[in-house]
Amino acid sequence: MAYRVHRMGGDVRIRQKQASRDRDVARLRSGEVGRLSLQAENDFFRGLNLSAFHIAAIGDRPLEVEPAH
């Protein structure tokens, strides 16, 4: 499967992000959504099972010593 990569200028992304923030503010002010609901919608990690993640190292530095088998 071939993937196409689209690159946009930084100014385009800045405008998109601001438009999204403006929509969020309007939704909050209108009462369409509550603060906690909006936070959940915008949470990047919301769909991940964080209990399944383990950070073993940062760079080349282990965070804990693995037990010998």
Protein backbone atom coordinates (compact mmCIF):
# COMPACT_ATOMS: atom_id res chain seq x y z
CA MET A 1 0.00 0.00 0.00
CA ALA A 2 1.40 3.38 -0.97
CA TYR A 3 0.98 6.34 1.34
CA ARG A 4 0.88 9.94 0.27
CA VAL A 5 2.30 12.51 2.62
CA HIS A 6 0.79 15.97 2.54
CA ARG A 7 2.84 18.78 4.00
CA MET A 8 1.26 22.09 4.82
CA GLY A 9 2.86 25.35 5.77
CA GLY A 10 3.12 26.19 9.44
CA ASP A 11 0.79 29.17 9.04
CA VAL A 12 -1.97 26.89 7.75
CA ARG A 13 -1.68 24.64 10.80
CA ILE A 14 -1.64 27.64 13.12
CA ARG A 15 -4.92 28.88 11.60
CA GLN A 16 -6.47 25.41 11.87
CA LYS A 17 -5.53 25.09 15.53
CA GLN A 18 -6.85 28.57 16.33
CA ALA A 19 -10.13 27.82 14.54
CA SER A 20 -10.47 24.65 16.63
CA ARG A 21 -9.84 26.61 19.84
CA ASP A 22 -12.40 29.23 18.78
CA ARG A 23 -15.00 26.48 18.17
CA ASP A 24 -14.25 24.99 21.58
CA VAL A 25 -14.74 28.37 23.29
CA ALA A 26 -18.02 28.93 21.44
CA ARG A 27 -19.28 25.47 22.43
CA LEU A 28 -18.36 26.12 26.07
CA ARG A 29 -20.05 29.53 26.12
CA SER A 30 -23.23 28.17 24.50
CA GLY A 31 -23.42 25.32 27.00
CA GLU A 32 -23.27 22.74 24.22
CA VAL A 33 -20.46 21.04 26.07
CA GLY A 34 -19.05 21.19 29.58
CA ARG A 35 -15.43 21.82 30.50
CA LEU A 36 -14.73 18.23 31.55
CA SER A 37 -16.39 16.80 28.44
CA LEU A 38 -14.36 19.10 26.23
CA GLN A 39 -11.16 18.12 28.02
CA ALA A 40 -11.99 14.46 27.40
CA GLU A 41 -12.68 15.14 23.71
CA ASN A 42 -9.34 16.90 23.31
CA ASP A 43 -7.32 14.37 25.32
CA PHE A 44 -4.74 12.83 22.98
CA PHE A 45 -4.27 9.81 25.25
CA ARG A 46 -7.99 9.17 25.82
CA GLY A 47 -8.16 6.10 23.57
CA LEU A 48 -5.00 4.47 24.87
CA ASN A 49 -4.79 1.84 27.57
CA LEU A 50 -2.06 3.52 29.59
CA SER A 51 -1.85 0.63 32.04
CA ALA A 52 -0.33 -1.43 29.22
CA PHE A 53 2.60 0.99 28.76
CA HIS A 54 5.92 0.67 30.49
CA ILE A 55 8.80 3.09 30.09
CA ALA A 56 11.99 1.08 30.43
CA ALA A 57 14.51 3.73 29.41
CA ILE A 58 14.92 7.29 28.32
CA GLY A 59 17.55 7.44 25.64
CA ASP A 60 20.24 4.97 26.64
CA ARG A 61 19.54 5.28 30.36
CA PRO A 62 17.41 2.53 31.91
CA LEU A 63 14.89 3.69 34.49
CA GLU A 64 15.10 0.47 36.47
CA VAL A 65 17.30 -2.57 36.52
CA GLU A 66 15.74 -5.64 34.94
CA PRO A 67 15.80 -8.65 37.28
CA ALA A 68 18.18 -11.46 36.28
CA HIS A 69 16.48 -14.61 34.99
